[in-house]
Amino acid sequence: MNNLERLNTILLVDDDDASNFLHSIFINKLDMDVNINSALNGQEALDFILGKGQEKLELPCMVMLDLRMPVMDGWQFMKAYEDMVPKKLKDQITIVLVTISDNQDDKERANTNKYVADYAQKPLSDETFKALIQKHFSLAAI
């Protein structure tokens, strides 16, 4: 748990554009001053975090990571994240795994991964985001 003082940027990682759009609406509904970015798979998310192939964007404080995606799924992302992302960046990022599945193996795997801060089941809502943000960001006044 990072307990960062301020949540500046959220990265939504889901291969479904509609889910990313809906989740951004839920976050905006909380009336927070936060930048929202999205990626369609784990590779795009990894590139975003590492600043590859784009202008330098703000490092996400929170990553909402879908597990089931093409190209690079959530678990493949977590392996690459562990191997490739510098510790100083990892220390600034809270990762929440998101899935529609209620697979107990996924929950157990998430609970044993030191880089996964939380696990949320779809469908998400503004209340889900509010609870996650308040849990992981100590000064997130919503």
C-alpha atoms as a PDB file:
ATOM      1  CA  MET A   1       0.000   0.000   0.000  1.00  0.00           C
ATOM      2  CA  ASN A   2       1.438   3.339  -1.054  1.00  0.00           C
ATOM      3  CA  ASN A   3      -0.733   5.720   0.956  1.00  0.00           C
ATOM      4  CA  LEU A   4       0.387   8.532  -1.269  1.00  0.00           C
ATOM      5  CA  GLU A   5      -0.699  11.962  -0.229  1.00  0.00           C
ATOM      6  CA  ARG A   6      -2.273  12.836  -3.548  1.00  0.00           C
ATOM      7  CA  LEU A   7      -3.765  10.900  -6.410  1.00  0.00           C
ATOM      8  CA  ASN A   8      -2.728  12.729  -9.590  1.00  0.00           C
ATOM      9  CA  THR A   9      -3.103  10.195 -12.382  1.00  0.00           C
ATOM     10  CA  ILE A  10      -5.000   6.962 -12.959  1.00  0.00           C
ATOM     11  CA  LEU A  11      -4.185   4.529 -15.778  1.00  0.00           C
ATOM     12  CA  LEU A  12      -7.116   2.364 -16.864  1.00  0.00           C
ATOM     13  CA  VAL A  13      -5.930  -0.818 -18.589  1.00  0.00           C
ATOM     14  CA  ASP A  14      -8.668  -2.760 -20.361  1.00  0.00           C
ATOM     15  CA  ASP A  15      -9.045  -4.037 -23.919  1.00  0.00           C
ATOM     16  CA  ASP A  16     -12.669  -2.859 -23.895  1.00  0.00           C
ATOM     17  CA  ASP A  17     -12.853   0.833 -24.839  1.00  0.00           C
ATOM     18  CA  ALA A  18     -16.369   1.000 -23.420  1.00  0.00           C
ATOM     19  CA  SER A  19     -15.153  -0.155 -20.000  1.00  0.00           C
ATOM     20  CA  ASN A  20     -12.345   2.409 -19.999  1.00  0.00           C
ATOM     21  CA  PHE A  21     -14.839   5.117 -20.982  1.00  0.00           C
ATOM     22  CA  LEU A  22     -17.372   4.069 -18.340  1.00  0.00           C
ATOM     23  CA  HIS A  23     -14.696   3.864 -15.651  1.00  0.00           C
ATOM     24  CA  SER A  24     -13.459   7.351 -16.539  1.00  0.00           C
ATOM     25  CA  ILE A  25     -17.036   8.624 -16.117  1.00  0.00           C
ATOM     26  CA  PHE A  26     -17.216   7.008 -12.665  1.00  0.00           C
ATOM     27  CA  ILE A  27     -13.910   8.611 -11.654  1.00  0.00           C
ATOM     28  CA  ASN A  28     -14.953  12.020 -13.011  1.00  0.00           C
ATOM     29  CA  LYS A  29     -18.214  11.696 -11.089  1.00  0.00           C
ATOM     30  CA  LEU A  30     -16.133  11.778  -7.883  1.00  0.00           C
ATOM     31  CA  ASP A  31     -15.182  15.354  -8.782  1.00  0.00           C
ATOM     32  CA  MET A  32     -11.472  14.877  -8.216  1.00  0.00           C
ATOM     33  CA  ASP A  33      -8.673  16.754  -9.922  1.00  0.00           C
ATOM     34  CA  VAL A  34      -7.098  13.670 -11.487  1.00  0.00           C
ATOM     35  CA  ASN A  35      -5.746  12.873 -14.950  1.00  0.00           C
ATOM     36  CA  ILE A  36      -7.156   9.708 -16.489  1.00  0.00           C
ATOM     37  CA  ASN A  37      -5.278   7.792 -19.177  1.00  0.00           C
ATOM     38  CA  SER A  38      -6.088   4.458 -20.755  1.00  0.00           C
ATOM     39  CA  ALA A  39      -4.298   1.542 -22.389  1.00  0.00           C
ATOM     40  CA  LEU A  40      -5.863  -1.338 -24.312  1.00  0.00           C
ATOM     41  CA  ASN A  41      -3.484  -4.053 -23.108  1.00  0.00           C
ATOM     42  CA  GLY A  42      -0.625  -4.743 -20.761  1.00  0.00           C
ATOM     43  CA  GLN A  43       2.046  -3.847 -23.314  1.00  0.00           C
ATOM     44  CA  GLU A  44       0.556  -0.383 -23.845  1.00  0.00           C
ATOM     45  CA  ALA A  45       0.377   0.046 -20.067  1.00  0.00           C
ATOM     46  CA  LEU A  46       4.000  -1.009 -19.610  1.00  0.00           C
ATOM     47  CA  ASP A  47       5.094   1.364 -22.385  1.00  0.00           C
ATOM     48  CA  PHE A  48       3.105   4.157 -20.724  1.00  0.00           C
ATOM     49  CA  ILE A  49       4.742   3.569 -17.333  1.00  0.00           C
ATOM     50  CA  LEU A  50       8.221   3.350 -18.858  1.00  0.00           C
ATOM     51  CA  GLY A  51       7.579   6.383 -21.090  1.00  0.00           C
ATOM     52  CA  LYS A  52       8.267   4.531 -24.341  1.00  0.00           C
ATOM     53  CA  GLY A  53       7.156   5.825 -27.734  1.00  0.00           C
ATOM     54  CA  GLN A  54       5.349   8.903 -26.484  1.00  0.00           C
ATOM     55  CA  GLU A  55       5.816  12.303 -25.009  1.00  0.00           C
ATOM     56  CA  LYS A  56       6.669  12.106 -21.316  1.00  0.00           C
ATOM     57  CA  LEU A  57       3.371  11.744 -19.474  1.00  0.00           C
ATOM     58  CA  GLU A  58       2.807  11.817 -15.755  1.00  0.00           C
ATOM     59  CA  LEU A  59       3.482   8.519 -14.000  1.00  0.00           C
ATOM     60  CA  PRO A  60       0.194   6.951 -12.899  1.00  0.00           C
ATOM     61  CA  CYS A  61      -0.348   6.784  -9.147  1.00  0.00           C
ATOM     62  CA  MET A  62      -2.998   4.103  -9.619  1.00  0.00           C
ATOM     63  CA  VAL A  63      -3.265   1.421 -12.309  1.00  0.00           C
ATOM     64  CA  MET A  64      -6.608  -0.339 -12.735  1.00  0.00           C
ATOM     65  CA  LEU A  65      -5.482  -3.515 -14.542  1.00  0.00           C
ATOM     66  CA  ASP A  66      -7.858  -5.915 -16.285  1.00  0.00           C
ATOM     67  CA  LEU A  67      -6.672  -9.518 -16.176  1.00  0.00           C
ATOM     68  CA  ARG A  68      -8.118 -10.812 -19.455  1.00  0.00           C
ATOM     69  CA  MET A  69      -6.704  -8.939 -22.481  1.00  0.00           C
ATOM     70  CA  PRO A  70      -5.067  -9.790 -25.804  1.00  0.00           C
ATOM     71  CA  VAL A  71      -1.416  -8.977 -26.634  1.00  0.00           C
ATOM     72  CA  MET A  72      -0.325  -8.926 -22.961  1.00  0.00           C
ATOM     73  CA  ASP A  73      -2.803  -9.927 -20.264  1.00  0.00           C
ATOM     74  CA  GLY A  74      -2.777  -8.727 -16.670  1.00  0.00           C
ATOM     75  CA  TRP A  75      -0.582 -11.541 -15.351  1.00  0.00           C
ATOM     76  CA  GLN A  76       1.931 -11.131 -18.176  1.00  0.00           C
ATOM     77  CA  PHE A  77       1.967  -7.404 -17.415  1.00  0.00           C
ATOM     78  CA  MET A  78       2.658  -8.102 -13.728  1.00  0.00           C
ATOM     79  CA  LYS A  79       5.651 -10.309 -14.647  1.00  0.00           C
ATOM     80  CA  ALA A  80       7.054  -7.661 -17.015  1.00  0.00           C
ATOM     81  CA  TYR A  81       6.337  -4.952 -14.422  1.00  0.00           C
ATOM     82  CA  GLU A  82       8.304  -6.856 -11.803  1.00  0.00           C
ATOM     83  CA  ASP A  83      11.214  -7.446 -14.188  1.00  0.00           C
ATOM     84  CA  MET A  84      11.390  -4.119 -16.064  1.00  0.00           C
ATOM     85  CA  VAL A  85      10.007  -1.258 -13.974  1.00  0.00           C
ATOM     86  CA  PRO A  86      12.559   0.392 -11.659  1.00  0.00           C
ATOM     87  CA  LYS A  87      11.843   0.141  -7.929  1.00  0.00           C
ATOM     88  CA  LYS A  88      11.624   3.941  -7.566  1.00  0.00           C
ATOM     89  CA  LEU A  89       8.670   3.896 -10.001  1.00  0.00           C
ATOM     90  CA  LYS A  90       7.041   0.828  -8.443  1.00  0.00           C
ATOM     91  CA  ASP A  91       7.090   2.604  -5.080  1.00  0.00           C
ATOM     92  CA  GLN A  92       4.876   5.323  -6.570  1.00  0.00           C
ATOM     93  CA  ILE A  93       2.237   3.087  -8.190  1.00  0.00           C
ATOM     94  CA  THR A  94      -0.759   1.316  -6.671  1.00  0.00           C
ATOM     95  CA  ILE A  95      -1.998  -1.568  -8.833  1.00  0.00           C
ATOM     96  CA  VAL A  96      -5.565  -2.836  -8.561  1.00  0.00           C
ATOM     97  CA  LEU A  97      -6.421  -5.963 -10.537  1.00  0.00           C
ATOM     98  CA  VAL A  98      -9.850  -5.888 -12.143  1.00  0.00           C
ATOM     99  CA  THR A  99     -11.722  -8.868 -13.553  1.00  0.00           C
ATOM    100  CA  ILE A 100     -15.199 -10.021 -14.431  1.00  0.00           C
ATOM    101  CA  SER A 101     -14.273 -13.517 -13.271  1.00  0.00           C
ATOM    102  CA  ASP A 102     -14.735 -14.739  -9.720  1.00  0.00           C
ATOM    103  CA  ASN A 103     -11.888 -17.230 -10.181  1.00  0.00           C
ATOM    104  CA  GLN A 104     -10.489 -18.056  -6.741  1.00  0.00           C
ATOM    105  CA  ASP A 105      -7.047 -18.843  -8.232  1.00  0.00           C
ATOM    106  CA  ASP A 106      -6.823 -15.278  -9.575  1.00  0.00           C
ATOM    107  CA  LYS A 107      -7.720 -13.860  -6.150  1.00  0.00           C
ATOM    108  CA  GLU A 108      -5.117 -16.018  -4.414  1.00  0.00           C
ATOM    109  CA  ARG A 109      -2.490 -15.156  -7.004  1.00  0.00           C
ATOM    110  CA  ALA A 110      -3.274 -11.454  -6.563  1.00  0.00           C
ATOM    111  CA  ASN A 111      -3.036 -11.739  -2.785  1.00  0.00           C
ATOM    112  CA  THR A 112       0.436 -13.254  -3.015  1.00  0.00           C
ATOM    113  CA  ASN A 113       1.832 -10.716  -5.497  1.00  0.00           C
ATOM    114  CA  LYS A 114       3.684  -7.983  -3.619  1.00  0.00           C
ATOM    115  CA  TYR A 115       2.939  -5.422  -6.337  1.00  0.00           C
ATOM    116  CA  VAL A 116      -0.838  -5.922  -6.314  1.00  0.00           C
ATOM    117  CA  ALA A 117      -2.474  -3.627  -3.776  1.00  0.00           C
ATOM    118  CA  ASP A 118      -6.059  -4.748  -4.341  1.00  0.00           C
ATOM    119  CA  TYR A 119      -8.467  -6.848  -6.374  1.00  0.00           C
ATOM    120  CA  ALA A 120     -11.833  -5.660  -7.695  1.00  0.00           C
ATOM    121  CA  GLN A 121     -14.554  -7.518  -9.532  1.00  0.00           C
ATOM    122  CA  LYS A 122     -16.450  -6.014 -12.456  1.00  0.00           C
ATOM    123  CA  PRO A 123     -18.801  -4.365 -12.857  1.00  0.00           C
ATOM    124  CA  LEU A 124     -17.179  -1.400 -11.123  1.00  0.00           C
ATOM    125  CA  SER A 125     -19.060   1.697  -9.994  1.00  0.00           C
ATOM    126  CA  ASP A 126     -18.295   5.170  -8.731  1.00  0.00           C
ATOM    127  CA  GLU A 127     -18.645   3.755  -5.207  1.00  0.00           C
ATOM    128  CA  THR A 128     -16.047   1.068  -5.984  1.00  0.00           C
ATOM    129  CA  PHE A 129     -13.588   3.703  -7.190  1.00  0.00           C
ATOM    130  CA  LYS A 130     -14.346   5.903  -4.184  1.00  0.00           C
ATOM    131  CA  ALA A 131     -13.657   3.040  -1.771  1.00  0.00           C
ATOM    132  CA  LEU A 132     -10.425   2.012  -3.540  1.00  0.00           C
ATOM    133  CA  ILE A 133      -9.108   5.576  -3.675  1.00  0.00           C
ATOM    134  CA  GLN A 134      -9.920   6.238  -0.022  1.00  0.00           C
ATOM    135  CA  LYS A 135      -8.312   2.941   0.984  1.00  0.00           C
ATOM    136  CA  HIS A 136      -5.018   3.488  -0.836  1.00  0.00           C
ATOM    137  CA  PHE A 137      -4.536   7.267  -0.827  1.00  0.00           C
ATOM    138  CA  SER A 138      -4.452   8.741   2.665  1.00  0.00           C
ATOM    139  CA  LEU A 139      -5.361  12.322   1.755  1.00  0.00           C
ATOM    140  CA  ALA A 140      -7.856  11.542  -0.995  1.00  0.00           C
ATOM    141  CA  ALA A 141     -10.790  13.646   0.106  1.00  0.00           C
ATOM    142  CA  ILE A 142     -13.824  12.526  -1.838  1.00  0.00           C
END
